């Protein structure tokens, strides 16, 4: 079933086309940029334009920092704390990847 406004939308597009609204657009005649994830392309573009990253990326970065900190820490109590934090982050990361 079509959207109830599809006829209105198509009419507006056809009118804009007749009036030349689509002439000389940036990138006209050029191939579309390569897209590895077309289902989420718009989301990724919006995130990039707003200077943010998907949750799993930020969690991965945080986990990498904790791993580096763990390598440099010799205090056993601090190491236990870091390992615990890493475990929680790994669980959150797995959930974020599946979601």
Protein backbone atom coordinates (compact mmCIF):
# COMPACT_ATOMS: atom_id res chain seq x y z
CA UNK A 1 0.00 0.00 0.00
CA UNK A 2 1.34 3.40 -0.98
CA UNK A 3 1.65 6.27 1.41
CA UNK A 4 -1.49 8.45 1.31
CA UNK A 5 0.56 11.47 0.23
CA UNK A 6 2.49 9.71 -2.56
CA UNK A 7 0.53 11.44 -5.34
CA UNK A 8 1.14 14.88 -3.82
CA UNK A 9 4.84 14.09 -3.35
CA UNK A 10 5.20 12.91 -6.95
CA UNK A 11 3.40 15.99 -8.24
CA UNK A 12 5.73 18.30 -6.29
CA UNK A 13 8.80 16.41 -7.56
CA UNK A 14 7.60 16.60 -11.18
CA UNK A 15 6.87 20.33 -10.83
CA UNK A 16 10.32 20.98 -9.34
CA UNK A 17 11.91 18.98 -12.17
CA UNK A 18 10.02 20.98 -14.83
CA UNK A 19 11.13 24.23 -13.15
CA UNK A 20 14.78 23.12 -13.20
CA UNK A 21 15.22 22.72 -9.44
CA UNK A 22 17.36 19.65 -10.04
CA UNK A 23 19.58 21.20 -12.70
CA UNK A 24 23.24 21.85 -11.85
CA UNK A 25 23.22 20.05 -8.50
CA UNK A 26 26.57 19.46 -6.83
CA UNK A 27 27.88 16.07 -7.89
CA UNK A 28 25.56 15.80 -10.90
CA UNK A 29 26.85 13.28 -13.40
CA UNK A 30 29.33 11.82 -10.93
CA UNK A 31 29.06 8.33 -9.42
CA UNK A 32 27.61 8.04 -5.95
CA UNK A 33 30.19 7.60 -3.19
CA UNK A 34 30.97 4.02 -2.22
CA UNK A 35 28.79 2.85 0.64
CA UNK A 36 29.69 -0.24 2.67
CA UNK A 37 26.54 -0.09 4.78
CA UNK A 38 23.65 1.30 2.71
CA UNK A 39 21.07 0.44 5.39
CA UNK A 40 22.75 2.82 7.85
CA UNK A 41 24.33 5.32 5.44
CA UNK A 42 22.13 8.24 6.49
CA UNK A 43 22.71 7.57 10.18
CA UNK A 44 26.49 7.42 9.66
CA UNK A 45 26.46 10.65 7.64
CA UNK A 46 24.49 12.47 10.35
CA UNK A 47 26.80 11.17 13.07
CA UNK A 48 29.87 12.23 11.08
CA UNK A 49 28.47 15.69 10.33
CA UNK A 50 27.78 16.22 14.02
CA UNK A 51 31.20 15.05 15.17
CA UNK A 52 30.07 11.94 16.98
CA UNK A 53 30.58 8.22 16.54
CA UNK A 54 28.39 5.16 17.03
CA UNK A 55 28.31 3.84 20.60
CA UNK A 56 30.31 0.71 19.79
CA UNK A 57 33.14 2.86 18.42
CA UNK A 58 33.36 5.04 21.53
CA UNK A 59 33.17 1.94 23.75
CA UNK A 60 35.97 0.32 21.74
CA UNK A 61 38.12 3.41 22.16
CA UNK A 62 37.47 3.48 25.91
CA UNK A 63 38.30 -0.22 26.17
CA UNK A 64 41.59 0.33 24.31
CA UNK A 65 42.53 3.07 26.80
CA UNK A 66 41.80 0.79 29.74
CA UNK A 67 43.90 -1.99 28.19
CA UNK A 68 46.82 0.39 27.76
CA UNK A 69 46.41 1.57 31.34
CA UNK A 70 46.33 -2.04 32.55
CA UNK A 71 49.64 -2.76 30.82
CA UNK A 72 51.29 0.09 32.71
CA UNK A 73 49.73 -0.54 36.12
CA UNK A 74 51.56 -2.66 38.66
CA UNK A 75 49.29 -2.07 41.66
CA UNK A 76 47.17 -5.22 42.15
CA UNK A 77 44.13 -3.37 43.49
CA UNK A 78 44.17 -0.96 40.58
CA UNK A 79 44.62 -3.86 38.13
CA UNK A 80 41.56 -5.64 39.59
CA UNK A 81 39.56 -2.44 39.25
CA UNK A 82 40.65 -1.99 35.63
CA UNK A 83 39.87 -5.61 34.77
CA UNK A 84 36.42 -5.22 36.29
CA UNK A 85 35.79 -2.02 34.29
CA UNK A 86 37.03 -3.74 31.14
CA UNK A 87 34.69 -6.65 31.69
CA UNK A 88 31.70 -4.33 32.00
CA UNK A 89 32.79 -2.39 28.92
CA UNK A 90 33.18 -5.59 26.91
CA UNK A 91 29.62 -6.59 27.83
CA UNK A 92 28.30 -3.13 26.85
CA UNK A 93 30.29 -3.30 23.64
CA UNK A 94 28.79 -6.67 22.73
CA UNK A 95 25.28 -5.34 23.39
CA UNK A 96 25.99 -2.22 21.30
CA UNK A 97 27.25 -4.31 18.38
CA UNK A 98 24.15 -6.50 18.42
CA UNK A 99 21.79 -3.52 18.78
